[in-house]
Every structure is written in C-alpha cells, then in structure tokens.
PDB file of N, CA and C in Angstrom:
ATOM      1  N   MET A   1      -9.980 -16.113   7.678  1.00  0.00           N
ATOM      2  CA  MET A   1     -10.593 -17.080   6.802  1.00  0.00           C
ATOM      3  C   MET A   1     -12.059 -16.712   6.664  1.00  0.00           C
ATOM      4  N   SER A   2     -12.525 -16.578   5.458  1.00  0.00           N
ATOM      5  CA  SER A   2     -13.906 -16.211   5.210  1.00  0.00           C
ATOM      6  C   SER A   2     -14.676 -17.429   4.728  1.00  0.00           C
ATOM      7  N   LEU A   3     -15.800 -17.668   5.335  1.00  0.00           N
ATOM      8  CA  LEU A   3     -16.638 -18.807   4.961  1.00  0.00           C
ATOM      9  C   LEU A   3     -17.962 -18.293   4.435  1.00  0.00           C
ATOM     10  N   GLN A   4     -17.899 -17.402   3.467  1.00  0.00           N
ATOM     11  CA  GLN A   4     -19.109 -16.775   2.943  1.00  0.00           C
ATOM     12  C   GLN A   4     -19.816 -17.709   1.978  1.00  0.00           C
ATOM     13  N   GLY A   5     -21.105 -17.777   2.098  1.00  0.00           N
ATOM     14  CA  GLY A   5     -21.937 -18.539   1.172  1.00  0.00           C
ATOM     15  C   GLY A   5     -23.185 -17.748   0.904  1.00  0.00           C
ATOM     16  N   GLY A   6     -23.261 -17.092  -0.228  1.00  0.00           N
ATOM     17  CA  GLY A   6     -24.413 -16.247  -0.499  1.00  0.00           C
ATOM     18  C   GLY A   6     -24.377 -15.029   0.407  1.00  0.00           C
ATOM     19  N   SER A   7     -25.511 -14.697   1.000  1.00  0.00           N
ATOM     20  CA  SER A   7     -25.577 -13.516   1.853  1.00  0.00           C
ATOM     21  C   SER A   7     -25.359 -13.840   3.325  1.00  0.00           C
ATOM     22  N   GLU A   8     -25.192 -15.105   3.647  1.00  0.00           N
ATOM     23  CA  GLU A   8     -24.994 -15.474   5.048  1.00  0.00           C
ATOM     24  C   GLU A   8     -23.730 -16.306   5.192  1.00  0.00           C
ATOM     25  N   SER A   9     -23.161 -16.276   6.362  1.00  0.00           N
ATOM     26  CA  SER A   9     -21.955 -17.047   6.640  1.00  0.00           C
ATOM     27  C   SER A   9     -22.369 -18.393   7.203  1.00  0.00           C
ATOM     28  N   ARG A  10     -21.735 -19.440   6.711  1.00  0.00           N
ATOM     29  CA  ARG A  10     -22.065 -20.768   7.222  1.00  0.00           C
ATOM     30  C   ARG A  10     -20.938 -21.737   6.879  1.00  0.00           C
ATOM     31  N   ILE A  11     -20.905 -22.843   7.560  1.00  0.00           N
ATOM     32  CA  ILE A  11     -19.980 -23.917   7.229  1.00  0.00           C
ATOM     33  C   ILE A  11     -20.781 -24.989   6.517  1.00  0.00           C
ATOM     34  N   ASP A  12     -20.551 -25.094   5.240  1.00  0.00           N
ATOM     35  CA  ASP A  12     -21.205 -26.078   4.403  1.00  0.00           C
ATOM     36  C   ASP A  12     -20.574 -27.444   4.674  1.00  0.00           C
ATOM     37  N   PRO A  13     -21.342 -28.525   4.609  1.00  0.00           N
ATOM     38  CA  PRO A  13     -20.752 -29.853   4.835  1.00  0.00           C
ATOM     39  C   PRO A  13     -19.546 -30.147   3.950  1.00  0.00           C
ATOM     40  N   ASN A  14     -19.484 -29.548   2.758  1.00  0.00           N
ATOM     41  CA  ASN A  14     -18.342 -29.757   1.868  1.00  0.00           C
ATOM     42  C   ASN A  14     -17.083 -29.041   2.346  1.00  0.00           C
ATOM     43  N   MET A  15     -17.213 -28.130   3.325  1.00  0.00           N
ATOM     44  CA  MET A  15     -16.079 -27.355   3.826  1.00  0.00           C
ATOM     45  C   MET A  15     -15.535 -27.897   5.145  1.00  0.00           C
ATOM     46  N   THR A  16     -16.019 -29.051   5.576  1.00  0.00           N
ATOM     47  CA  THR A  16     -15.641 -29.621   6.864  1.00  0.00           C
ATOM     48  C   THR A  16     -14.137 -29.804   7.022  1.00  0.00           C
ATOM     49  N   PHE A  17     -13.444 -30.050   5.931  1.00  0.00           N
ATOM     50  CA  PHE A  17     -12.003 -30.309   6.006  1.00  0.00           C
ATOM     51  C   PHE A  17     -11.189 -29.110   6.479  1.00  0.00           C
ATOM     52  N   ILE A  18     -11.730 -27.894   6.407  1.00  0.00           N
ATOM     53  CA  ILE A  18     -10.967 -26.717   6.859  1.00  0.00           C
ATOM     54  C   ILE A  18     -11.189 -26.399   8.339  1.00  0.00           C
ATOM     55  N   VAL A  19     -12.179 -27.011   8.957  1.00  0.00           N
ATOM     56  CA  VAL A  19     -12.500 -26.720  10.358  1.00  0.00           C
ATOM     57  C   VAL A  19     -11.312 -26.947  11.297  1.00  0.00           C
ATOM     58  N   PRO A  20     -10.525 -28.005  11.143  1.00  0.00           N
ATOM     59  CA  PRO A  20      -9.391 -28.189  12.063  1.00  0.00           C
ATOM     60  C   PRO A  20      -8.352 -27.062  12.000  1.00  0.00           C
ATOM     61  N   LEU A  21      -8.400 -26.243  10.955  1.00  0.00           N
ATOM     62  CA  LEU A  21      -7.470 -25.118  10.831  1.00  0.00           C
ATOM     63  C   LEU A  21      -7.908 -23.914  11.666  1.00  0.00           C
ATOM     64  N   ALA A  22      -9.157 -23.909  12.107  1.00  0.00           N
ATOM     65  CA  ALA A  22      -9.711 -22.774  12.854  1.00  0.00           C
ATOM     66  C   ALA A  22      -9.476 -22.935  14.350  1.00  0.00           C
ATOM     67  N   ALA A  23      -9.273 -21.817  15.024  1.00  0.00           N
ATOM     68  CA  ALA A  23      -9.145 -21.830  16.486  1.00  0.00           C
ATOM     69  C   ALA A  23     -10.519 -21.783  17.141  1.00  0.00           C
ATOM     70  N   GLY A  24     -11.511 -21.279  16.425  1.00  0.00           N
ATOM     71  CA  GLY A  24     -12.877 -21.184  16.928  1.00  0.00           C
ATOM     72  C   GLY A  24     -13.817 -20.875  15.783  1.00  0.00           C
ATOM     73  N   ILE A  25     -15.107 -21.062  16.015  1.00  0.00           N
ATOM     74  CA  ILE A  25     -16.118 -20.810  14.987  1.00  0.00           C
ATOM     75  C   ILE A  25     -17.172 -19.877  15.553  1.00  0.00           C
ATOM     76  N   VAL A  26     -17.540 -18.876  14.756  1.00  0.00           N
ATOM     77  CA  VAL A  26     -18.619 -17.951  15.109  1.00  0.00           C
ATOM     78  C   VAL A  26     -19.640 -18.025  13.980  1.00  0.00           C
ATOM     79  N   GLU A  27     -20.866 -18.393  14.307  1.00  0.00           N
ATOM     80  CA  GLU A  27     -21.951 -18.543  13.333  1.00  0.00           C
ATOM     81  C   GLU A  27     -22.970 -17.438  13.530  1.00  0.00           C
ATOM     82  N   CYS A  28     -23.446 -16.873  12.428  1.00  0.00           N
ATOM     83  CA  CYS A  28     -24.483 -15.842  12.497  1.00  0.00           C
ATOM     84  C   CYS A  28     -25.849 -16.421  12.836  1.00  0.00           C
ATOM     85  N   ARG A  29     -26.069 -17.646  12.497  1.00  0.00           N
ATOM     86  CA  ARG A  29     -27.393 -18.244  12.655  1.00  0.00           C
ATOM     87  C   ARG A  29     -27.298 -19.530  13.468  1.00  0.00           C
ATOM     88  N   GLY A  30     -28.443 -20.095  13.753  1.00  0.00           N
ATOM     89  CA  GLY A  30     -28.482 -21.442  14.288  1.00  0.00           C
ATOM     90  C   GLY A  30     -28.391 -21.591  15.788  1.00  0.00           C
ATOM     91  N   GLY A  31     -28.227 -22.849  16.181  1.00  0.00           N
ATOM     92  CA  GLY A  31     -28.165 -23.229  17.578  1.00  0.00           C
ATOM     93  C   GLY A  31     -27.234 -24.411  17.762  1.00  0.00           C
ATOM     94  N   MET A  32     -27.463 -25.185  18.795  1.00  0.00           N
ATOM     95  CA  MET A  32     -26.568 -26.279  19.165  1.00  0.00           C
ATOM     96  C   MET A  32     -26.515 -27.413  18.143  1.00  0.00           C
ATOM     97  N   LEU A  33     -27.521 -27.542  17.303  1.00  0.00           N
ATOM     98  CA  LEU A  33     -27.581 -28.689  16.404  1.00  0.00           C
ATOM     99  C   LEU A  33     -27.278 -28.361  14.945  1.00  0.00           C
ATOM    100  N   ILE A  34     -26.776 -27.159  14.668  1.00  0.00           N
ATOM    101  CA  ILE A  34     -26.400 -26.870  13.287  1.00  0.00           C
ATOM    102  C   ILE A  34     -25.078 -27.561  12.974  1.00  0.00           C
ATOM    103  N   HIS A  35     -24.808 -27.717  11.692  1.00  0.00           N
ATOM    104  CA  HIS A  35     -23.652 -28.491  11.250  1.00  0.00           C
ATOM    105  C   HIS A  35     -22.344 -27.994  11.853  1.00  0.00           C
ATOM    106  N   SER A  36     -22.110 -26.692  11.867  1.00  0.00           N
ATOM    107  CA  SER A  36     -20.834 -26.176  12.383  1.00  0.00           C
ATOM    108  C   SER A  36     -20.658 -26.463  13.867  1.00  0.00           C
ATOM    109  N   ALA A  37     -21.734 -26.423  14.633  1.00  0.00           N
ATOM    110  CA  ALA A  37     -21.634 -26.716  16.071  1.00  0.00           C
ATOM    111  C   ALA A  37     -21.294 -28.190  16.303  1.00  0.00           C
ATOM    112  N   ILE A  38     -21.884 -29.054  15.514  1.00  0.00           N
ATOM    113  CA  ILE A  38     -21.611 -30.483  15.655  1.00  0.00           C
ATOM    114  C   ILE A  38     -20.171 -30.798  15.268  1.00  0.00           C
ATOM    115  N   ILE A  39     -19.712 -30.232  14.160  1.00  0.00           N
ATOM    116  CA  ILE A  39     -18.334 -30.449  13.710  1.00  0.00           C
ATOM    117  C   ILE A  39     -17.347 -29.865  14.726  1.00  0.00           C
ATOM    118  N   ALA A  40     -17.649 -28.690  15.271  1.00  0.00           N
ATOM    119  CA  ALA A  40     -16.772 -28.072  16.274  1.00  0.00           C
ATOM    120  C   ALA A  40     -16.634 -28.974  17.501  1.00  0.00           C
ATOM    121  N   ARG A  41     -17.737 -29.565  17.946  1.00  0.00           N
ATOM    122  CA  ARG A  41     -17.668 -30.490  19.086  1.00  0.00           C
ATOM    123  C   ARG A  41     -16.796 -31.696  18.767  1.00  0.00           C
ATOM    124  N   GLU A  42     -16.914 -32.206  17.548  1.00  0.00           N
ATOM    125  CA  GLU A  42     -16.108 -33.367  17.159  1.00  0.00           C
ATOM    126  C   GLU A  42     -14.613 -33.065  17.187  1.00  0.00           C
ATOM    127  N   TYR A  43     -14.254 -31.833  16.822  1.00  0.00           N
ATOM    128  CA  TYR A  43     -12.845 -31.439  16.789  1.00  0.00           C
ATOM    129  C   TYR A  43     -12.376 -30.760  18.075  1.00  0.00           C
ATOM    130  N   GLY A  44     -13.271 -30.532  19.020  1.00  0.00           N
ATOM    131  CA  GLY A  44     -12.890 -29.867  20.267  1.00  0.00           C
ATOM    132  C   GLY A  44     -12.595 -28.390  20.094  1.00  0.00           C
ATOM    133  N   ILE A  45     -13.294 -27.748  19.163  1.00  0.00           N
ATOM    134  CA  ILE A  45     -13.099 -26.330  18.868  1.00  0.00           C
ATOM    135  C   ILE A  45     -14.267 -25.546  19.461  1.00  0.00           C
ATOM    136  N   SER A  46     -13.987 -24.388  20.041  1.00  0.00           N
ATOM    137  CA  SER A  46     -15.055 -23.537  20.565  1.00  0.00           C
ATOM    138  C   SER A  46     -15.926 -23.034  19.430  1.00  0.00           C
ATOM    139  N   CYS A  47     -17.237 -23.000  19.659  1.00  0.00           N
ATOM    140  CA  CYS A  47     -18.176 -22.540  18.648  1.00  0.00           C
ATOM    141  C   CYS A  47     -19.289 -21.752  19.334  1.00  0.00           C
ATOM    142  N   ALA A  48     -19.566 -20.564  18.815  1.00  0.00           N
ATOM    143  CA  ALA A  48     -20.680 -19.752  19.302  1.00  0.00           C
ATOM    144  C   ALA A  48     -21.641 -19.559  18.137  1.00  0.00           C
ATOM    145  N   THR A  49     -22.912 -19.878  18.332  1.00  0.00           N
ATOM    146  CA  THR A  49     -23.907 -19.775  17.264  1.00  0.00           C
ATOM    147  C   THR A  49     -24.942 -18.716  17.601  1.00  0.00           C
ATOM    148  N   GLY A  50     -25.638 -18.261  16.570  1.00  0.00           N
ATOM    149  CA  GLY A  50     -26.674 -17.248  16.753  1.00  0.00           C
ATOM    150  C   GLY A  50     -26.116 -15.872  17.053  1.00  0.00           C
ATOM    151  N   ILE A  51     -24.897 -15.598  16.591  1.00  0.00           N
ATOM    152  CA  ILE A  51     -24.265 -14.290  16.805  1.00  0.00           C
ATOM    153  C   ILE A  51     -24.599 -13.421  15.602  1.00  0.00           C
ATOM    154  N   GLY A  52     -25.684 -12.670  15.692  1.00  0.00           N
ATOM    155  CA  GLY A  52     -26.165 -11.858  14.580  1.00  0.00           C
ATOM    156  C   GLY A  52     -25.145 -10.838  14.104  1.00  0.00           C
ATOM    157  N   LYS A  53     -25.063 -10.675  12.797  1.00  0.00           N
ATOM    158  CA  LYS A  53     -24.182  -9.710  12.138  1.00  0.00           C
ATOM    159  C   LYS A  53     -22.707  -9.922  12.461  1.00  0.00           C
ATOM    160  N   ALA A  54     -22.329 -11.143  12.790  1.00  0.00           N
ATOM    161  CA  ALA A  54     -20.931 -11.421  13.142  1.00  0.00           C
ATOM    162  C   ALA A  54     -19.992 -11.080  11.997  1.00  0.00           C
ATOM    163  N   THR A  55     -20.393 -11.364  10.766  1.00  0.00           N
ATOM    164  CA  THR A  55     -19.497 -11.114   9.633  1.00  0.00           C
ATOM    165  C   THR A  55     -19.297  -9.630   9.366  1.00  0.00           C
ATOM    166  N   SER A  56     -20.226  -8.786   9.800  1.00  0.00           N
ATOM    167  CA  SER A  56     -20.030  -7.348   9.625  1.00  0.00           C
ATOM    168  C   SER A  56     -19.313  -6.723  10.822  1.00  0.00           C
ATOM    169  N   ARG A  57     -19.289  -7.398  11.936  1.00  0.00           N
ATOM    170  CA  ARG A  57     -18.636  -6.865  13.137  1.00  0.00           C
ATOM    171  C   ARG A  57     -17.201  -7.340  13.307  1.00  0.00           C
ATOM    172  N   ILE A  58     -16.879  -8.525  12.797  1.00  0.00           N
ATOM    173  CA  ILE A  58     -15.534  -9.081  12.926  1.00  0.00           C
ATOM    174  C   ILE A  58     -14.779  -8.826  11.631  1.00  0.00           C
ATOM    175  N   HIS A  59     -13.610  -8.200  11.745  1.00  0.00           N
ATOM    176  CA  HIS A  59     -12.813  -7.850  10.573  1.00  0.00           C
ATOM    177  C   HIS A  59     -11.470  -8.567  10.629  1.00  0.00           C
ATOM    178  N   THR A  60     -10.837  -8.689   9.485  1.00  0.00           N
ATOM    179  CA  THR A  60      -9.519  -9.306   9.404  1.00  0.00           C
ATOM    180  C   THR A  60      -8.564  -8.603  10.358  1.00  0.00           C
ATOM    181  N   GLY A  61      -7.861  -9.383  11.164  1.00  0.00           N
ATOM    182  CA  GLY A  61      -6.899  -8.834  12.123  1.00  0.00           C
ATOM    183  C   GLY A  61      -7.456  -8.617  13.514  1.00  0.00           C
ATOM    184  N   ASP A  62      -8.787  -8.679  13.678  1.00  0.00           N
ATOM    185  CA  ASP A  62      -9.375  -8.531  15.009  1.00  0.00           C
ATOM    186  C   ASP A  62      -9.011  -9.723  15.883  1.00  0.00           C
ATOM    187  N   ARG A  63      -8.791  -9.471  17.161  1.00  0.00           N
ATOM    188  CA  ARG A  63      -8.581 -10.551  18.130  1.00  0.00           C
ATOM    189  C   ARG A  63      -9.954 -10.943  18.653  1.00  0.00           C
ATOM    190  N   VAL A  64     -10.287 -12.198  18.488  1.00  0.00           N
ATOM    191  CA  VAL A  64     -11.613 -12.693  18.847  1.00  0.00           C
ATOM    192  C   VAL A  64     -11.464 -13.818  19.862  1.00  0.00           C
ATOM    193  N   THR A  65     -12.223 -13.727  20.946  1.00  0.00           N
ATOM    194  CA  THR A  65     -12.276 -14.792  21.942  1.00  0.00           C
ATOM    195  C   THR A  65     -13.657 -15.431  21.848  1.00  0.00           C
ATOM    196  N   VAL A  66     -13.695 -16.749  21.694  1.00  0.00           N
ATOM    197  CA  VAL A  66     -14.956 -17.471  21.559  1.00  0.00           C
ATOM    198  C   VAL A  66     -15.125 -18.385  22.764  1.00  0.00           C
ATOM    199  N   ASP A  67     -16.177 -18.133  23.557  1.00  0.00           N
ATOM    200  CA  ASP A  67     -16.529 -18.999  24.679  1.00  0.00           C
ATOM    201  C   ASP A  67     -17.686 -19.872  24.217  1.00  0.00           C
ATOM    202  N   GLY A  68     -17.364 -21.078  23.785  1.00  0.00           N
ATOM    203  CA  GLY A  68     -18.368 -21.978  23.256  1.00  0.00           C
ATOM    204  C   GLY A  68     -19.355 -22.481  24.313  1.00  0.00           C
ATOM    205  N   TYR A  69     -18.925 -22.507  25.551  1.00  0.00           N
ATOM    206  CA  TYR A  69     -19.802 -22.979  26.622  1.00  0.00           C
ATOM    207  C   TYR A  69     -20.931 -21.981  26.894  1.00  0.00           C
ATOM    208  N   LEU A  70     -20.573 -20.695  26.985  1.00  0.00           N
ATOM    209  CA  LEU A  70     -21.562 -19.656  27.255  1.00  0.00           C
ATOM    210  C   LEU A  70     -22.125 -19.016  25.986  1.00  0.00           C
ATOM    211  N   GLY A  71     -21.472 -19.254  24.836  1.00  0.00           N
ATOM    212  CA  GLY A  71     -21.922 -18.644  23.584  1.00  0.00           C
ATOM    213  C   GLY A  71     -21.601 -17.166  23.500  1.00  0.00           C
ATOM    214  N   ILE A  72     -20.456 -16.784  24.052  1.00  0.00           N
ATOM    215  CA  ILE A  72     -20.060 -15.376  24.079  1.00  0.00           C
ATOM    216  C   ILE A  72     -18.853 -15.167  23.172  1.00  0.00           C
ATOM    217  N   VAL A  73     -18.934 -14.120  22.351  1.00  0.00           N
ATOM    218  CA  VAL A  73     -17.832 -13.723  21.481  1.00  0.00           C
ATOM    219  C   VAL A  73     -17.375 -12.345  21.912  1.00  0.00           C
ATOM    220  N   THR A  74     -16.065 -12.209  22.187  1.00  0.00           N
ATOM    221  CA  THR A  74     -15.503 -10.940  22.635  1.00  0.00           C
ATOM    222  C   THR A  74     -14.480 -10.459  21.614  1.00  0.00           C
ATOM    223  N   LEU A  75     -14.614  -9.213  21.196  1.00  0.00           N
ATOM    224  CA  LEU A  75     -13.650  -8.594  20.290  1.00  0.00           C
ATOM    225  C   LEU A  75     -12.738  -7.678  21.088  1.00  0.00           C
ATOM    226  N   SER A  76     -11.445  -7.734  20.767  1.00  0.00           N
ATOM    227  CA  SER A  76     -10.507  -6.828  21.450  1.00  0.00           C
ATOM    228  C   SER A  76      -9.490  -6.297  20.466  1.00  0.00           C
TER     229      SER A  76
END
C-alpha cells in the first residue's frame, strides 16, 4: 500500500480510514506527535517515525518488521 503525497510519504487525516488495514506504519518524517503516530496508537498498530528514505528502501514484497516501542524497522 502506497501512501504517497507529493514528494514525501505521509498519512493525511483524510486517509485515516485505511489505517486499520495496515499491520504497521513507517513514516519518513516526524516524531511521537505526528498524525500517523497518534492514529496508530488509537488502533494499536506499531508505528516507527523519522525513518529517513523509508519509501526508497522498502519495496513491494519486502518483509518489514516494525518495532513501534523502540522505533526500529527491520527489512528481511
């Protein structure tokens, strides 16, 4: 699922309805108080923020593990 908006990836408030479909969220920017992190907490979904160049490093079909507590994203 691609959440592209312009040149950066983000979860726009209008896209909140698709969040429950995700197993985890990886944000290129931000911190604990950005919209995607708050929505992820509400739904109990792992979210890692401030992961630079995530959209260029994660490709369709990659297995991604998101540790929302530590903010670590692992690709395998």
